[in-house]
Amino acid sequence: MLNWYIFAIICLFAYGIQYFLYNVSAKRKYNSAWTSVSYMATVAILSTIFFLLSKQTISNFSILFLFAGLNAITFFSVTITRIEAFKNIPITIAFPIMRMHAVIVAIFSIIYFKEVISLYQIFGIVFATIMVIILSIPDKKEKIKKSKFNIGLILTFGALLSAVFGSIIVKFSTLNDVNNLGFMFVSYFISTLFSLIFIKKLGEKGEEHSPGHALRLGFIIGIFNFVGFYAFMNAVKLGPLAVVSPLVSMSFVLSIILSVIIYKEKLNLRKSIGIGLAILATILMGL
């Protein structure tokens, strides 16, 4: 039987590839909502198939719909704000900040769930705070309009807060013994409906409005998201959220590496220091 650490590692790699594909969507100017519709619908369908094959049962529908509905709202929010943020600021700035939601989640877990914090984790929080400050300052040499950078930061912090609420909701769902696959189906089904509603509103000038490419990319994202989210729910159910969340947050490192290699996004000294602090903070938070 797989333990919580193995599930967390699986989630880390699945999410790392998924987050890189978000950047692909942004770089290619795909409509964020079309991409979201495709990948959320893919996860909903996969959840249904595996639920039926596993012959599992749902004991409490009201609890399941409550937590799944709340998760759908936060999940849709973090998905859209993340993709839209990438259209305004580089991933090397956005992702390390977004990933620091793990620090907030860890603090909440320590206070609310009474999980024990070590000296290493205290240092992790300090390094994470310094990292956010460093990466929130735009580089003068980068050709980013101040208005776009400000919008990008707002969207980035919006994604961060949405991710915080999402992680906490998942923890509460596991504590109430909610069926994982049933939770995923309801959550992603509702998120798919949200995406369909916002398809036209999320379009902008210069964006590719033909859904074909976005739908295909969304399908691929959906496969990795299904694997990652299912692994995350099991990791949170079996292990401490204060440790699982920081460990999974390491996934942004893989997405940044892929973006630097494929899209040639530049890493100056300040960004390198910030990312280094983010990695160090994430490792320390997991000790």
C-alpha atoms as a PDB file:
ATOM      1  CA  MET A   1       0.000   0.000   0.000  1.00  0.00           C
ATOM      2  CA  LEU A   2       1.306   3.455  -0.925  1.00  0.00           C
ATOM      3  CA  ASN A   3       1.971   5.842   1.955  1.00  0.00           C
ATOM      4  CA  TRP A   4       1.278   9.583   2.047  1.00  0.00           C
ATOM      5  CA  TYR A   5       4.836  10.478   0.958  1.00  0.00           C
ATOM      6  CA  ILE A   6       4.632   8.431  -2.261  1.00  0.00           C
ATOM      7  CA  PHE A   7       1.244   9.970  -3.077  1.00  0.00           C
ATOM      8  CA  ALA A   8       2.714  13.452  -2.478  1.00  0.00           C
ATOM      9  CA  ILE A   9       5.660  12.741  -4.809  1.00  0.00           C
ATOM     10  CA  ILE A  10       3.303  11.502  -7.544  1.00  0.00           C
ATOM     11  CA  CYS A  11       1.257  14.675  -7.113  1.00  0.00           C
ATOM     12  CA  LEU A  12       4.399  16.811  -7.256  1.00  0.00           C
ATOM     13  CA  PHE A  13       5.429  15.517 -10.700  1.00  0.00           C
ATOM     14  CA  ALA A  14       1.889  15.486 -12.121  1.00  0.00           C
ATOM     15  CA  TYR A  15       1.255  19.066 -11.016  1.00  0.00           C
ATOM     16  CA  GLY A  16       4.666  20.206 -12.259  1.00  0.00           C
ATOM     17  CA  ILE A  17       3.827  19.106 -15.803  1.00  0.00           C
ATOM     18  CA  GLN A  18       0.295  20.462 -15.494  1.00  0.00           C
ATOM     19  CA  TYR A  19       1.518  23.909 -14.435  1.00  0.00           C
ATOM     20  CA  PHE A  20       3.961  24.038 -17.311  1.00  0.00           C
ATOM     21  CA  LEU A  21       1.078  23.301 -19.684  1.00  0.00           C
ATOM     22  CA  TYR A  22      -0.760  26.294 -18.184  1.00  0.00           C
ATOM     23  CA  ASN A  23       2.157  28.409 -19.343  1.00  0.00           C
ATOM     24  CA  VAL A  24       1.914  26.807 -22.785  1.00  0.00           C
ATOM     25  CA  SER A  25      -1.731  27.893 -22.903  1.00  0.00           C
ATOM     26  CA  ALA A  26      -0.767  31.448 -21.988  1.00  0.00           C
ATOM     27  CA  LYS A  27       2.153  31.630 -24.448  1.00  0.00           C
ATOM     28  CA  ARG A  28       0.010  30.391 -27.319  1.00  0.00           C
ATOM     29  CA  LYS A  29      -2.808  32.800 -26.411  1.00  0.00           C
ATOM     30  CA  TYR A  30      -5.392  30.073 -25.980  1.00  0.00           C
ATOM     31  CA  ASN A  31      -8.687  31.070 -24.401  1.00  0.00           C
ATOM     32  CA  SER A  32      -8.359  30.260 -20.691  1.00  0.00           C
ATOM     33  CA  ALA A  33     -11.963  29.129 -20.353  1.00  0.00           C
ATOM     34  CA  TRP A  34     -11.828  26.719 -23.323  1.00  0.00           C
ATOM     35  CA  THR A  35      -8.712  25.133 -21.833  1.00  0.00           C
ATOM     36  CA  SER A  36     -10.426  24.919 -18.444  1.00  0.00           C
ATOM     37  CA  VAL A  37     -13.621  23.428 -19.889  1.00  0.00           C
ATOM     38  CA  SER A  38     -11.657  20.686 -21.573  1.00  0.00           C
ATOM     39  CA  TYR A  39      -9.432  19.698 -18.683  1.00  0.00           C
ATOM     40  CA  MET A  40     -12.122  19.957 -15.995  1.00  0.00           C
ATOM     41  CA  ALA A  41     -14.534  17.920 -18.102  1.00  0.00           C
ATOM     42  CA  THR A  42     -11.765  15.364 -18.670  1.00  0.00           C
ATOM     43  CA  VAL A  43     -11.233  14.988 -14.910  1.00  0.00           C
ATOM     44  CA  ALA A  44     -14.995  14.738 -14.292  1.00  0.00           C
ATOM     45  CA  ILE A  45     -15.309  11.972 -16.890  1.00  0.00           C
ATOM     46  CA  LEU A  46     -12.261  10.076 -15.613  1.00  0.00           C
ATOM     47  CA  SER A  47     -13.560  10.354 -12.030  1.00  0.00           C
ATOM     48  CA  THR A  48     -16.905   8.914 -13.079  1.00  0.00           C
ATOM     49  CA  ILE A  49     -15.327   6.032 -14.982  1.00  0.00           C
ATOM     50  CA  PHE A  50     -13.005   5.043 -12.135  1.00  0.00           C
ATOM     51  CA  PHE A  51     -15.776   5.469  -9.554  1.00  0.00           C
ATOM     52  CA  LEU A  52     -18.022   3.067 -11.461  1.00  0.00           C
ATOM     53  CA  LEU A  53     -15.195   0.579 -12.045  1.00  0.00           C
ATOM     54  CA  SER A  54     -14.221   0.623  -8.370  1.00  0.00           C
ATOM     55  CA  LYS A  55     -17.838  -0.032  -7.312  1.00  0.00           C
ATOM     56  CA  GLN A  56     -17.489   2.401  -4.410  1.00  0.00           C
ATOM     57  CA  THR A  57     -20.448   3.935  -2.553  1.00  0.00           C
ATOM     58  CA  ILE A  58     -21.204   7.414  -1.201  1.00  0.00           C
ATOM     59  CA  SER A  59     -22.475   7.487   2.390  1.00  0.00           C
ATOM     60  CA  ASN A  60     -23.274  11.202   2.807  1.00  0.00           C
ATOM     61  CA  PHE A  61     -24.346  13.120  -0.300  1.00  0.00           C
ATOM     62  CA  SER A  62     -24.978  16.428   1.496  1.00  0.00           C
ATOM     63  CA  ILE A  63     -21.441  16.607   2.922  1.00  0.00           C
ATOM     64  CA  LEU A  64     -19.966  15.583  -0.423  1.00  0.00           C
ATOM     65  CA  PHE A  65     -21.866  18.262  -2.358  1.00  0.00           C
ATOM     66  CA  LEU A  66     -21.022  20.923   0.236  1.00  0.00           C
ATOM     67  CA  PHE A  67     -17.264  20.414   0.128  1.00  0.00           C
ATOM     68  CA  ALA A  68     -17.150  19.607  -3.582  1.00  0.00           C
ATOM     69  CA  GLY A  69     -19.125  22.771  -4.381  1.00  0.00           C
ATOM     70  CA  LEU A  70     -16.805  24.948  -2.297  1.00  0.00           C
ATOM     71  CA  ASN A  71     -13.790  23.294  -3.880  1.00  0.00           C
ATOM     72  CA  ALA A  72     -15.205  23.905  -7.360  1.00  0.00           C
ATOM     73  CA  ILE A  73     -15.418  27.644  -6.689  1.00  0.00           C
ATOM     74  CA  THR A  74     -11.858  27.912  -5.381  1.00  0.00           C
ATOM     75  CA  PHE A  75     -10.482  25.544  -8.007  1.00  0.00           C
ATOM     76  CA  PHE A  76     -12.024  27.443 -10.904  1.00  0.00           C
ATOM     77  CA  SER A  77     -10.783  30.700  -9.409  1.00  0.00           C
ATOM     78  CA  VAL A  78      -7.195  29.522  -9.012  1.00  0.00           C
ATOM     79  CA  THR A  79      -7.154  28.021 -12.509  1.00  0.00           C
ATOM     80  CA  ILE A  80      -8.319  31.155 -14.300  1.00  0.00           C
ATOM     81  CA  THR A  81      -6.290  33.642 -12.233  1.00  0.00           C
ATOM     82  CA  ARG A  82      -3.168  31.508 -12.720  1.00  0.00           C
ATOM     83  CA  ILE A  83      -3.442  31.343 -16.515  1.00  0.00           C
ATOM     84  CA  GLU A  84      -4.385  35.021 -16.805  1.00  0.00           C
ATOM     85  CA  ALA A  85      -1.470  35.995 -14.528  1.00  0.00           C
ATOM     86  CA  PHE A  86       0.963  34.295 -16.913  1.00  0.00           C
ATOM     87  CA  LYS A  87      -0.251  36.629 -19.672  1.00  0.00           C
ATOM     88  CA  ASN A  88       0.950  39.651 -17.700  1.00  0.00           C
ATOM     89  CA  ILE A  89       4.106  38.585 -15.843  1.00  0.00           C
ATOM     90  CA  PRO A  90       6.752  35.850 -16.364  1.00  0.00           C
ATOM     91  CA  ILE A  91       6.191  32.443 -14.809  1.00  0.00           C
ATOM     92  CA  THR A  92       9.520  32.821 -12.980  1.00  0.00           C
ATOM     93  CA  ILE A  93       7.908  35.584 -10.897  1.00  0.00           C
ATOM     94  CA  ALA A  94       4.349  34.274 -10.674  1.00  0.00           C
ATOM     95  CA  PHE A  95       4.908  30.648  -9.739  1.00  0.00           C
ATOM     96  CA  PRO A  96       7.206  31.010  -6.733  1.00  0.00           C
ATOM     97  CA  ILE A  97       4.717  33.468  -5.210  1.00  0.00           C
ATOM     98  CA  MET A  98       1.733  31.226  -5.980  1.00  0.00           C
ATOM     99  CA  ARG A  99       3.485  28.210  -4.501  1.00  0.00           C
ATOM    100  CA  MET A 100       3.909  29.979  -1.182  1.00  0.00           C
ATOM    101  CA  HIS A 101       0.281  29.169  -0.454  1.00  0.00           C
ATOM    102  CA  ALA A 102       1.824  26.116   1.191  1.00  0.00           C
ATOM    103  CA  VAL A 103       3.285  28.320   3.925  1.00  0.00           C
ATOM    104  CA  ILE A 104      -0.126  29.796   4.741  1.00  0.00           C
ATOM    105  CA  VAL A 105      -1.723  26.356   4.657  1.00  0.00           C
ATOM    106  CA  ALA A 106       0.976  24.992   6.973  1.00  0.00           C
ATOM    107  CA  ILE A 107       0.434  27.816   9.465  1.00  0.00           C
ATOM    108  CA  PHE A 108      -3.330  27.211   9.405  1.00  0.00           C
ATOM    109  CA  SER A 109      -2.803  23.479   9.903  1.00  0.00           C
ATOM    110  CA  ILE A 110      -0.507  24.096  12.847  1.00  0.00           C
ATOM    111  CA  ILE A 111      -2.996  26.440  14.509  1.00  0.00           C
ATOM    112  CA  TYR A 112      -6.293  24.730  13.657  1.00  0.00           C
ATOM    113  CA  PHE A 113      -5.347  21.052  13.373  1.00  0.00           C
ATOM    114  CA  LYS A 114      -2.754  21.338  16.169  1.00  0.00           C
ATOM    115  CA  GLU A 115       0.027  19.961  13.992  1.00  0.00           C
ATOM    116  CA  VAL A 116       3.510  20.409  15.458  1.00  0.00           C
ATOM    117  CA  ILE A 117       5.919  22.894  13.820  1.00  0.00           C
ATOM    118  CA  SER A 118       9.680  22.425  13.957  1.00  0.00           C
ATOM    119  CA  LEU A 119      12.484  24.989  14.018  1.00  0.00           C
ATOM    120  CA  TYR A 120      13.186  24.136  10.378  1.00  0.00           C
ATOM    121  CA  GLN A 121       9.628  25.055   9.448  1.00  0.00           C
ATOM    122  CA  ILE A 122       9.953  28.419  11.224  1.00  0.00           C
ATOM    123  CA  PHE A 123      12.999  29.172   9.079  1.00  0.00           C
ATOM    124  CA  GLY A 124      11.022  28.029   6.049  1.00  0.00           C
ATOM    125  CA  ILE A 125       8.323  30.624   6.748  1.00  0.00           C
ATOM    126  CA  VAL A 126      10.985  33.364   7.085  1.00  0.00           C
ATOM    127  CA  PHE A 127      12.689  32.400   3.805  1.00  0.00           C
ATOM    128  CA  ALA A 128       9.323  32.194   2.036  1.00  0.00           C
ATOM    129  CA  THR A 129       8.403  35.707   3.168  1.00  0.00           C
ATOM    130  CA  ILE A 130      11.740  37.093   1.923  1.00  0.00           C
ATOM    131  CA  MET A 131      11.259  35.278  -1.385  1.00  0.00           C
ATOM    132  CA  VAL A 132       7.821  36.824  -1.956  1.00  0.00           C
ATOM    133  CA  ILE A 133       9.251  40.319  -1.345  1.00  0.00           C
ATOM    134  CA  ILE A 134      12.163  39.733  -3.730  1.00  0.00           C
ATOM    135  CA  LEU A 135      10.077  38.318  -6.572  1.00  0.00           C
ATOM    136  CA  SER A 136       7.328  40.928  -6.210  1.00  0.00           C
ATOM    137  CA  ILE A 137       9.687  43.678  -7.385  1.00  0.00           C
ATOM    138  CA  PRO A 138       9.745  44.079 -11.192  1.00  0.00           C
ATOM    139  CA  ASP A 139      13.110  44.031 -12.941  1.00  0.00           C
ATOM    140  CA  LYS A 140      13.872  47.393 -14.577  1.00  0.00           C
ATOM    141  CA  LYS A 141      15.462  45.653 -17.546  1.00  0.00           C
ATOM    142  CA  GLU A 142      12.395  43.560 -18.255  1.00  0.00           C
ATOM    143  CA  LYS A 143       9.983  44.956 -20.797  1.00  0.00           C
ATOM    144  CA  ILE A 144       6.876  44.656 -18.682  1.00  0.00           C
ATOM    145  CA  LYS A 145       4.435  47.528 -18.534  1.00  0.00           C
ATOM    146  CA  LYS A 146       3.840  48.708 -14.984  1.00  0.00           C
ATOM    147  CA  SER A 147       0.091  48.373 -15.421  1.00  0.00           C
ATOM    148  CA  LYS A 148       0.438  44.795 -16.707  1.00  0.00           C
ATOM    149  CA  PHE A 149       2.825  43.919 -13.903  1.00  0.00           C
ATOM    150  CA  ASN A 150       0.419  45.259 -11.276  1.00  0.00           C
ATOM    151  CA  ILE A 151      -2.466  43.321 -12.831  1.00  0.00           C
ATOM    152  CA  GLY A 152      -0.275  40.241 -12.976  1.00  0.00           C
ATOM    153  CA  LEU A 153       0.603  40.543  -9.286  1.00  0.00           C
ATOM    154  CA  ILE A 154      -3.050  40.970  -8.301  1.00  0.00           C
ATOM    155  CA  LEU A 155      -3.976  37.858 -10.282  1.00  0.00           C
ATOM    156  CA  THR A 156      -1.012  35.986  -8.806  1.00  0.00           C
ATOM    157  CA  PHE A 157      -2.008  36.742  -5.215  1.00  0.00           C
ATOM    158  CA  GLY A 158      -5.609  35.926  -6.116  1.00  0.00           C
ATOM    159  CA  ALA A 159      -4.451  32.496  -7.272  1.00  0.00           C
ATOM    160  CA  LEU A 160      -2.437  32.121  -4.064  1.00  0.00           C
ATOM    161  CA  LEU A 161      -5.416  32.808  -1.785  1.00  0.00           C
ATOM    162  CA  SER A 162      -7.703  30.571  -3.841  1.00  0.00           C
ATOM    163  CA  ALA A 163      -5.165  27.754  -3.554  1.00  0.00           C
ATOM    164  CA  VAL A 164      -5.049  28.219   0.224  1.00  0.00           C
ATOM    165  CA  PHE A 165      -8.815  27.833   0.571  1.00  0.00           C
ATOM    166  CA  GLY A 166      -8.799  24.890  -1.836  1.00  0.00           C
ATOM    167  CA  SER A 167      -6.202  22.931   0.148  1.00  0.00           C
ATOM    168  CA  ILE A 168      -8.024  23.527   3.421  1.00  0.00           C
ATOM    169  CA  ILE A 169     -11.355  22.436   1.911  1.00  0.00           C
ATOM    170  CA  VAL A 170      -9.766  19.196   0.687  1.00  0.00           C
ATOM    171  CA  LYS A 171      -8.414  18.509   4.181  1.00  0.00           C
ATOM    172  CA  PHE A 172     -11.848  19.031   5.731  1.00  0.00           C
ATOM    173  CA  SER A 173     -13.400  16.726   3.126  1.00  0.00           C
ATOM    174  CA  THR A 174     -10.968  13.923   3.986  1.00  0.00           C
ATOM    175  CA  LEU A 175     -11.636  14.398   7.702  1.00  0.00           C
ATOM    176  CA  ASN A 176     -15.341  13.881   6.934  1.00  0.00           C
ATOM    177  CA  ASP A 177     -14.498  10.701   5.016  1.00  0.00           C
ATOM    178  CA  VAL A 178     -15.803  12.025   1.697  1.00  0.00           C
ATOM    179  CA  ASN A 179     -15.375   9.630  -1.231  1.00  0.00           C
ATOM    180  CA  ASN A 180     -12.398  10.890  -3.264  1.00  0.00           C
ATOM    181  CA  LEU A 181     -13.644  10.014  -6.743  1.00  0.00           C
ATOM    182  CA  GLY A 182     -17.164  11.234  -5.967  1.00  0.00           C
ATOM    183  CA  PHE A 183     -15.721  14.483  -4.623  1.00  0.00           C
ATOM    184  CA  MET A 184     -13.657  14.938  -7.777  1.00  0.00           C
ATOM    185  CA  PHE A 185     -16.604  14.269 -10.102  1.00  0.00           C
ATOM    186  CA  VAL A 186     -18.954  16.774  -8.423  1.00  0.00           C
ATOM    187  CA  SER A 187     -16.236  19.405  -8.019  1.00  0.00           C
ATOM    188  CA  TYR A 188     -15.003  19.215 -11.600  1.00  0.00           C
ATOM    189  CA  PHE A 189     -18.501  18.987 -13.052  1.00  0.00           C
ATOM    190  CA  ILE A 190     -19.431  22.280 -11.368  1.00  0.00           C
ATOM    191  CA  SER A 191     -16.092  23.823 -12.408  1.00  0.00           C
ATOM    192  CA  THR A 192     -16.789  22.815 -16.011  1.00  0.00           C
ATOM    193  CA  LEU A 193     -20.111  24.681 -15.887  1.00  0.00           C
ATOM    194  CA  PHE A 194     -18.325  27.771 -14.525  1.00  0.00           C
ATOM    195  CA  SER A 195     -15.833  27.608 -17.376  1.00  0.00           C
ATOM    196  CA  LEU A 196     -18.608  27.376 -19.980  1.00  0.00           C
ATOM    197  CA  ILE A 197     -20.232  30.497 -18.524  1.00  0.00           C
ATOM    198  CA  PHE A 198     -16.992  32.500 -18.666  1.00  0.00           C
ATOM    199  CA  ILE A 199     -15.762  31.441 -22.118  1.00  0.00           C
ATOM    200  CA  LYS A 200     -16.712  34.682 -23.882  1.00  0.00           C
ATOM    201  CA  LYS A 201     -15.881  36.944 -20.951  1.00  0.00           C
ATOM    202  CA  LEU A 202     -12.328  35.622 -20.745  1.00  0.00           C
ATOM    203  CA  GLY A 203     -11.574  36.277 -24.411  1.00  0.00           C
ATOM    204  CA  GLU A 204      -9.325  39.188 -25.322  1.00  0.00           C
ATOM    205  CA  LYS A 205      -7.803  40.845 -28.356  1.00  0.00           C
ATOM    206  CA  GLY A 206      -5.022  38.782 -29.911  1.00  0.00           C
ATOM    207  CA  GLU A 207      -6.224  35.594 -28.275  1.00  0.00           C
ATOM    208  CA  GLU A 208      -6.952  32.485 -30.311  1.00  0.00           C
ATOM    209  CA  HIS A 209     -10.701  32.010 -30.122  1.00  0.00           C
ATOM    210  CA  SER A 210     -10.846  28.745 -32.061  1.00  0.00           C
ATOM    211  CA  PRO A 211     -11.405  26.100 -29.365  1.00  0.00           C
ATOM    212  CA  GLY A 212      -9.638  23.218 -31.133  1.00  0.00           C
ATOM    213  CA  HIS A 213      -6.096  23.706 -29.812  1.00  0.00           C
ATOM    214  CA  ALA A 214      -7.269  24.790 -26.367  1.00  0.00           C
ATOM    215  CA  LEU A 215      -9.523  21.736 -26.037  1.00  0.00           C
ATOM    216  CA  ARG A 216      -6.721  19.349 -27.000  1.00  0.00           C
ATOM    217  CA  LEU A 217      -4.288  20.944 -24.570  1.00  0.00           C
ATOM    218  CA  GLY A 218      -6.974  20.944 -21.879  1.00  0.00           C
ATOM    219  CA  PHE A 219      -7.482  17.215 -22.368  1.00  0.00           C
ATOM    220  CA  ILE A 220      -3.776  16.571 -21.703  1.00  0.00           C
ATOM    221  CA  ILE A 221      -3.853  18.875 -18.675  1.00  0.00           C
ATOM    222  CA  GLY A 222      -6.914  16.986 -17.429  1.00  0.00           C
ATOM    223  CA  ILE A 223      -5.066  13.663 -17.410  1.00  0.00           C
ATOM    224  CA  PHE A 224      -2.192  15.053 -15.323  1.00  0.00           C
ATOM    225  CA  ASN A 225      -4.602  16.927 -13.062  1.00  0.00           C
ATOM    226  CA  PHE A 226      -6.648  13.791 -12.422  1.00  0.00           C
ATOM    227  CA  VAL A 227      -3.545  11.871 -11.370  1.00  0.00           C
ATOM    228  CA  GLY A 228      -2.209  14.778  -9.314  1.00  0.00           C
ATOM    229  CA  PHE A 229      -5.417  15.689  -7.492  1.00  0.00           C
ATOM    230  CA  TYR A 230      -6.315  12.086  -6.681  1.00  0.00           C
ATOM    231  CA  ALA A 231      -2.798  11.592  -5.293  1.00  0.00           C
ATOM    232  CA  PHE A 232      -3.067  14.845  -3.322  1.00  0.00           C
ATOM    233  CA  MET A 233      -6.363  13.813  -1.696  1.00  0.00           C
ATOM    234  CA  ASN A 234      -4.859  10.501  -0.642  1.00  0.00           C
ATOM    235  CA  ALA A 235      -1.693  12.165   0.659  1.00  0.00           C
ATOM    236  CA  VAL A 236      -3.735  14.639   2.728  1.00  0.00           C
ATOM    237  CA  LYS A 237      -5.956  11.851   4.011  1.00  0.00           C
ATOM    238  CA  LEU A 238      -3.020   9.715   5.127  1.00  0.00           C
ATOM    239  CA  GLY A 239      -0.525  12.390   6.177  1.00  0.00           C
ATOM    240  CA  PRO A 240      -0.259  15.860   7.773  1.00  0.00           C
ATOM    241  CA  LEU A 241      -1.404  18.762   5.598  1.00  0.00           C
ATOM    242  CA  ALA A 242       1.378  20.979   7.016  1.00  0.00           C
ATOM    243  CA  VAL A 243       3.943  18.633   5.434  1.00  0.00           C
ATOM    244  CA  VAL A 244       2.090  17.453   2.316  1.00  0.00           C
ATOM    245  CA  SER A 245       1.274  20.961   1.082  1.00  0.00           C
ATOM    246  CA  PRO A 246       4.888  22.261   1.113  1.00  0.00           C
ATOM    247  CA  LEU A 247       6.152  19.063  -0.474  1.00  0.00           C
ATOM    248  CA  VAL A 248       3.642  19.276  -3.318  1.00  0.00           C
ATOM    249  CA  SER A 249       4.578  22.949  -3.760  1.00  0.00           C
ATOM    250  CA  MET A 250       7.948  21.823  -5.086  1.00  0.00           C
ATOM    251  CA  SER A 251       6.081  21.124  -8.354  1.00  0.00           C
ATOM    252  CA  PHE A 252       6.615  24.714  -9.489  1.00  0.00           C
ATOM    253  CA  VAL A 253      10.352  24.012  -9.831  1.00  0.00           C
ATOM    254  CA  LEU A 254       9.716  21.510 -12.624  1.00  0.00           C
ATOM    255  CA  SER A 255       7.375  23.915 -14.447  1.00  0.00           C
ATOM    256  CA  ILE A 256       9.927  26.753 -14.257  1.00  0.00           C
ATOM    257  CA  ILE A 257      12.749  24.534 -15.495  1.00  0.00           C
ATOM    258  CA  LEU A 258      10.636  23.450 -18.474  1.00  0.00           C
ATOM    259  CA  SER A 259       9.677  27.071 -19.211  1.00  0.00           C
ATOM    260  CA  VAL A 260      13.312  28.233 -19.093  1.00  0.00           C
ATOM    261  CA  ILE A 261      14.416  25.392 -21.399  1.00  0.00           C
ATOM    262  CA  ILE A 262      11.570  25.531 -23.917  1.00  0.00           C
ATOM    263  CA  TYR A 263      10.510  29.200 -23.852  1.00  0.00           C
ATOM    264  CA  LYS A 264      13.928  30.640 -22.957  1.00  0.00           C
ATOM    265  CA  GLU A 265      12.524  32.641 -20.053  1.00  0.00           C
ATOM    266  CA  LYS A 266      15.454  34.434 -18.435  1.00  0.00           C
ATOM    267  CA  LEU A 267      16.717  33.857 -14.911  1.00  0.00           C
ATOM    268  CA  ASN A 268      18.684  36.806 -13.534  1.00  0.00           C
ATOM    269  CA  LEU A 269      20.502  36.821 -10.191  1.00  0.00           C
ATOM    270  CA  ARG A 270      17.551  38.268  -8.244  1.00  0.00           C
ATOM    271  CA  LYS A 271      15.111  35.710  -9.625  1.00  0.00           C
ATOM    272  CA  SER A 272      17.589  32.893  -9.059  1.00  0.00           C
ATOM    273  CA  ILE A 273      17.975  33.939  -5.416  1.00  0.00           C
ATOM    274  CA  GLY A 274      14.204  34.185  -5.017  1.00  0.00           C
ATOM    275  CA  ILE A 275      13.602  30.767  -6.548  1.00  0.00           C
ATOM    276  CA  GLY A 276      16.423  29.309  -4.469  1.00  0.00           C
ATOM    277  CA  LEU A 277      14.815  30.682  -1.317  1.00  0.00           C
ATOM    278  CA  ALA A 278      11.464  29.256  -2.422  1.00  0.00           C
ATOM    279  CA  ILE A 279      12.985  25.809  -2.878  1.00  0.00           C
ATOM    280  CA  LEU A 280      14.805  26.033   0.446  1.00  0.00           C
ATOM    281  CA  ALA A 281      11.635  27.251   2.192  1.00  0.00           C
ATOM    282  CA  THR A 282       9.601  24.410   0.738  1.00  0.00           C
ATOM    283  CA  ILE A 283      12.158  21.819   1.815  1.00  0.00           C
ATOM    284  CA  LEU A 284      12.400  23.250   5.331  1.00  0.00           C
ATOM    285  CA  MET A 285       8.605  23.342   5.652  1.00  0.00           C
ATOM    286  CA  GLY A 286       8.561  19.625   4.989  1.00  0.00           C
ATOM    287  CA  LEU A 287      11.058  18.729   7.726  1.00  0.00           C
END
